[in-house]
Amino acid sequence: MTLLIILFCVFAAVALMVILGERYGKPMEAEQQQKYSKILWVVVFIAIIAAIIRQMV
């Protein structure tokens, strides 16, 4: 029963984020999106390397 309550809370929070994001969110400009996409590759690469190192230790 506890698992069902936790799952319900998670799905309710996600639904709330989607509703509020659609209502109050604004689309990103192309320049800002390009900047974030360049940074995202570096962040993902660092996260993968950190996970590999953590598993080796």
Protein backbone atom coordinates (compact mmCIF):
# COMPACT_ATOMS: atom_id res chain seq x y z
CA MET A 1 0.00 0.00 0.00
CA THR A 2 2.85 2.37 0.79
CA LEU A 3 4.30 1.83 -2.67
CA LEU A 4 1.02 2.83 -4.28
CA ILE A 5 0.91 6.04 -2.24
CA ILE A 6 4.48 6.89 -3.25
CA LEU A 7 3.74 6.19 -6.93
CA PHE A 8 0.61 8.32 -6.78
CA CYS A 9 2.57 11.21 -5.27
CA VAL A 10 5.27 10.92 -7.94
CA PHE A 11 2.76 10.88 -10.80
CA ALA A 12 0.82 13.78 -9.26
CA ALA A 13 4.02 15.84 -8.99
CA VAL A 14 4.97 15.08 -12.60
CA ALA A 15 1.48 16.00 -13.80
CA LEU A 16 1.66 19.27 -11.86
CA MET A 17 5.06 20.09 -13.40
CA VAL A 18 3.73 19.42 -16.91
CA ILE A 19 0.61 21.54 -16.39
CA LEU A 20 2.55 24.47 -14.88
CA GLY A 21 5.30 24.16 -17.51
CA GLU A 22 2.81 24.37 -20.35
CA ARG A 23 0.97 27.28 -18.80
CA TYR A 24 3.83 29.48 -17.62
CA GLY A 25 6.83 28.22 -19.60
CA LYS A 26 8.17 30.09 -22.58
CA PRO A 27 10.09 28.60 -25.51
CA MET A 28 13.85 29.08 -25.63
CA GLU A 29 15.45 31.17 -28.31
CA ALA A 30 17.65 29.41 -30.86
CA GLU A 31 20.88 30.97 -29.59
CA GLN A 32 20.18 29.95 -25.99
CA GLN A 33 19.26 26.43 -27.09
CA GLN A 34 22.54 26.09 -29.04
CA LYS A 35 24.52 27.28 -26.00
CA TYR A 36 22.86 24.72 -23.73
CA SER A 37 23.34 21.91 -26.24
CA LYS A 38 27.10 22.57 -26.34
CA ILE A 39 27.35 22.57 -22.54
CA LEU A 40 25.16 19.47 -22.22
CA TRP A 41 27.62 17.27 -24.14
CA VAL A 42 30.38 18.18 -21.69
CA VAL A 43 28.18 17.57 -18.64
CA VAL A 44 27.04 14.16 -19.91
CA PHE A 45 30.63 13.14 -20.72
CA ILE A 46 31.82 14.15 -17.23
CA ALA A 47 28.92 12.27 -15.62
CA ILE A 48 29.73 9.10 -17.56
CA ILE A 49 33.42 9.27 -16.66
CA ALA A 50 32.55 9.92 -13.00
CA ALA A 51 30.22 6.91 -12.94
CA ILE A 52 32.88 4.68 -14.47
CA ILE A 53 35.47 5.83 -11.93
CA ARG A 54 33.02 5.35 -9.06
CA GLN A 55 32.29 1.78 -10.18
CA MET A 56 36.01 0.97 -10.43
CA VAL A 57 36.75 2.19 -6.88
